[in-house]
Amino acid sequence: MKWFAAVLGLALVLLQYRLWLSEDGVRGVIQMRAAVAAQRAQNDRLAERNLQLAAEVRDLKQGDEALEERARNDLGMIATGETFIQVLQDRNSPSVSGATPAAPPTRSDAH
């Protein structure tokens, strides 16, 4: 009976080792769950991107507004009858955002 108990104890230890420490045990399950969660997050991001691209394709196929916007922004085109005006800024002059405000006008109360 002692041999039988020893064999069962040894089998229990080996099974516990395999359950907790082997690649196909608990550690492997935890790693696989993390990998699945990461893949689902990536799939969600790609699905959102696909929806945006599908909406853009639909706009380009159906409406002229999206096509016109692309032509203006990407190709620099202008419509018939429009005049293109480009404003260049001198590198030595302060930018609009960096300009100092002018002092307010003073009032003279002596009449």
C-alpha atoms as a PDB file:
ATOM      1  CA  MET A   1       0.000   0.000   0.000  1.00  0.00           C
ATOM      2  CA  LYS A   2       2.924   2.352   0.649  1.00  0.00           C
ATOM      3  CA  TRP A   3       4.155   1.814  -2.899  1.00  0.00           C
ATOM      4  CA  PHE A   4       0.735   2.620  -4.290  1.00  0.00           C
ATOM      5  CA  ALA A   5       0.534   5.846  -2.246  1.00  0.00           C
ATOM      6  CA  ALA A   6       4.058   6.791  -3.312  1.00  0.00           C
ATOM      7  CA  VAL A   7       3.203   6.222  -6.997  1.00  0.00           C
ATOM      8  CA  LEU A   8       0.008   8.260  -6.654  1.00  0.00           C
ATOM      9  CA  GLY A   9       1.922  11.035  -4.864  1.00  0.00           C
ATOM     10  CA  LEU A  10       4.582  11.061  -7.574  1.00  0.00           C
ATOM     11  CA  ALA A  11       1.890  11.153 -10.302  1.00  0.00           C
ATOM     12  CA  LEU A  12       0.212  14.073  -8.508  1.00  0.00           C
ATOM     13  CA  VAL A  13       3.495  16.004  -8.318  1.00  0.00           C
ATOM     14  CA  LEU A  14       4.224  15.398 -12.014  1.00  0.00           C
ATOM     15  CA  LEU A  15       0.730  16.460 -13.038  1.00  0.00           C
ATOM     16  CA  GLN A  16       0.962  19.605 -10.911  1.00  0.00           C
ATOM     17  CA  TYR A  17       4.325  20.416 -12.468  1.00  0.00           C
ATOM     18  CA  ARG A  18       2.862  20.043 -15.942  1.00  0.00           C
ATOM     19  CA  LEU A  19      -0.220  22.057 -15.031  1.00  0.00           C
ATOM     20  CA  TRP A  20       1.599  25.051 -13.551  1.00  0.00           C
ATOM     21  CA  LEU A  21       5.002  25.192 -15.256  1.00  0.00           C
ATOM     22  CA  SER A  22       4.809  23.652 -18.717  1.00  0.00           C
ATOM     23  CA  GLU A  23       4.141  25.591 -21.932  1.00  0.00           C
ATOM     24  CA  ASP A  24       0.682  24.072 -22.366  1.00  0.00           C
ATOM     25  CA  GLY A  25      -0.314  24.653 -18.738  1.00  0.00           C
ATOM     26  CA  VAL A  26      -1.615  27.688 -16.878  1.00  0.00           C
ATOM     27  CA  ARG A  27       1.305  29.871 -17.993  1.00  0.00           C
ATOM     28  CA  GLY A  28       0.554  29.094 -21.637  1.00  0.00           C
ATOM     29  CA  VAL A  29      -3.124  29.894 -21.148  1.00  0.00           C
ATOM     30  CA  ILE A  30      -2.278  33.269 -19.604  1.00  0.00           C
ATOM     31  CA  GLN A  31       0.094  34.110 -22.462  1.00  0.00           C
ATOM     32  CA  MET A  32      -2.496  33.037 -25.024  1.00  0.00           C
ATOM     33  CA  ARG A  33      -5.196  35.205 -23.417  1.00  0.00           C
ATOM     34  CA  ALA A  34      -2.880  38.215 -23.543  1.00  0.00           C
ATOM     35  CA  ALA A  35      -2.116  37.528 -27.207  1.00  0.00           C
ATOM     36  CA  VAL A  36      -5.826  37.193 -28.015  1.00  0.00           C
ATOM     37  CA  ALA A  37      -6.601  40.489 -26.237  1.00  0.00           C
ATOM     38  CA  ALA A  38      -3.850  42.278 -28.176  1.00  0.00           C
ATOM     39  CA  GLN A  39      -5.098  40.811 -31.460  1.00  0.00           C
ATOM     40  CA  ARG A  40      -8.676  41.876 -30.706  1.00  0.00           C
ATOM     41  CA  ALA A  41      -7.518  45.437 -29.984  1.00  0.00           C
ATOM     42  CA  GLN A  42      -5.622  45.524 -33.266  1.00  0.00           C
ATOM     43  CA  ASN A  43      -8.643  44.106 -35.112  1.00  0.00           C
ATOM     44  CA  ASP A  44     -10.863  46.815 -33.609  1.00  0.00           C
ATOM     45  CA  ARG A  45      -8.448  49.546 -34.744  1.00  0.00           C
ATOM     46  CA  LEU A  46      -8.286  48.083 -38.242  1.00  0.00           C
ATOM     47  CA  ALA A  47     -12.072  47.706 -38.433  1.00  0.00           C
ATOM     48  CA  GLU A  48     -12.481  51.394 -37.554  1.00  0.00           C
ATOM     49  CA  ARG A  49      -9.917  52.312 -40.199  1.00  0.00           C
ATOM     50  CA  ASN A  50     -11.757  50.169 -42.749  1.00  0.00           C
ATOM     51  CA  LEU A  51     -15.015  51.954 -41.951  1.00  0.00           C
ATOM     52  CA  GLN A  52     -13.355  55.329 -42.477  1.00  0.00           C
ATOM     53  CA  LEU A  53     -11.845  54.209 -45.775  1.00  0.00           C
ATOM     54  CA  ALA A  54     -15.173  52.780 -46.947  1.00  0.00           C
ATOM     55  CA  ALA A  55     -16.898  56.078 -46.127  1.00  0.00           C
ATOM     56  CA  GLU A  56     -14.226  57.978 -48.047  1.00  0.00           C
ATOM     57  CA  VAL A  57     -14.608  55.685 -51.066  1.00  0.00           C
ATOM     58  CA  ARG A  58     -18.390  56.106 -50.929  1.00  0.00           C
ATOM     59  CA  ASP A  59     -17.993  59.902 -50.811  1.00  0.00           C
ATOM     60  CA  LEU A  60     -15.590  59.870 -53.733  1.00  0.00           C
ATOM     61  CA  LYS A  61     -17.938  57.709 -55.795  1.00  0.00           C
ATOM     62  CA  GLN A  62     -21.148  59.597 -55.002  1.00  0.00           C
ATOM     63  CA  GLY A  63     -20.364  63.234 -54.393  1.00  0.00           C
ATOM     64  CA  ASP A  64     -18.353  65.857 -56.161  1.00  0.00           C
ATOM     65  CA  GLU A  65     -17.564  67.700 -52.915  1.00  0.00           C
ATOM     66  CA  ALA A  66     -15.111  65.086 -51.668  1.00  0.00           C
ATOM     67  CA  LEU A  67     -13.488  64.886 -55.082  1.00  0.00           C
ATOM     68  CA  GLU A  68     -13.172  68.673 -55.229  1.00  0.00           C
ATOM     69  CA  GLU A  69     -11.702  68.772 -51.727  1.00  0.00           C
ATOM     70  CA  ARG A  70      -9.104  66.151 -52.681  1.00  0.00           C
ATOM     71  CA  ALA A  71      -8.217  68.072 -55.848  1.00  0.00           C
ATOM     72  CA  ARG A  72      -7.751  71.307 -53.883  1.00  0.00           C
ATOM     73  CA  ASN A  73      -5.781  69.899 -50.961  1.00  0.00           C
ATOM     74  CA  ASP A  74      -3.710  67.166 -52.579  1.00  0.00           C
ATOM     75  CA  LEU A  75      -3.192  68.491 -56.094  1.00  0.00           C
ATOM     76  CA  GLY A  76      -3.422  72.262 -55.554  1.00  0.00           C
ATOM     77  CA  MET A  77      -6.121  72.681 -58.194  1.00  0.00           C
ATOM     78  CA  ILE A  78      -8.533  75.607 -58.375  1.00  0.00           C
ATOM     79  CA  ALA A  79     -12.020  75.796 -59.856  1.00  0.00           C
ATOM     80  CA  THR A  80     -12.899  77.693 -63.011  1.00  0.00           C
ATOM     81  CA  GLY A  81     -13.419  81.374 -62.311  1.00  0.00           C
ATOM     82  CA  GLU A  82     -11.444  81.324 -59.055  1.00  0.00           C
ATOM     83  CA  THR A  83      -8.234  83.266 -58.502  1.00  0.00           C
ATOM     84  CA  PHE A  84      -5.370  81.686 -56.586  1.00  0.00           C
ATOM     85  CA  ILE A  85      -3.662  84.026 -54.140  1.00  0.00           C
ATOM     86  CA  GLN A  86      -0.608  82.901 -52.201  1.00  0.00           C
ATOM     87  CA  VAL A  87       0.587  84.993 -49.270  1.00  0.00           C
ATOM     88  CA  LEU A  88       4.276  84.732 -48.536  1.00  0.00           C
ATOM     89  CA  GLN A  89       5.739  85.820 -45.243  1.00  0.00           C
ATOM     90  CA  ASP A  90       9.109  87.522 -44.989  1.00  0.00           C
ATOM     91  CA  ARG A  91      11.420  85.482 -42.778  1.00  0.00           C
ATOM     92  CA  ASN A  92      12.715  88.616 -41.045  1.00  0.00           C
ATOM     93  CA  SER A  93       9.311  89.980 -40.101  1.00  0.00           C
ATOM     94  CA  PRO A  94       7.555  88.638 -36.996  1.00  0.00           C
ATOM     95  CA  SER A  95       4.830  86.120 -37.581  1.00  0.00           C
ATOM     96  CA  VAL A  96       1.220  86.971 -36.897  1.00  0.00           C
ATOM     97  CA  SER A  97       1.198  84.795 -33.801  1.00  0.00           C
ATOM     98  CA  GLY A  98       4.513  86.237 -32.593  1.00  0.00           C
ATOM     99  CA  ALA A  99       3.696  89.893 -33.236  1.00  0.00           C
ATOM    100  CA  THR A 100       3.542  92.205 -30.275  1.00  0.00           C
ATOM    101  CA  PRO A 101       0.274  94.066 -29.891  1.00  0.00           C
ATOM    102  CA  ALA A 102       0.320  97.778 -30.548  1.00  0.00           C
ATOM    103  CA  ALA A 103      -0.029 100.114 -27.595  1.00  0.00           C
ATOM    104  CA  PRO A 104      -3.568 101.431 -27.170  1.00  0.00           C
ATOM    105  CA  PRO A 105      -4.081 105.012 -28.312  1.00  0.00           C
ATOM    106  CA  THR A 106      -3.847 107.627 -25.569  1.00  0.00           C
ATOM    107  CA  ARG A 107      -6.694 110.018 -24.936  1.00  0.00           C
ATOM    108  CA  SER A 108      -5.991 113.614 -24.310  1.00  0.00           C
ATOM    109  CA  ASP A 109      -8.561 115.224 -22.061  1.00  0.00           C
ATOM    110  CA  ALA A 110      -7.209 118.765 -22.473  1.00  0.00           C
ATOM    111  CA  HIS A 111      -9.562 120.738 -24.717  1.00  0.00           C
END
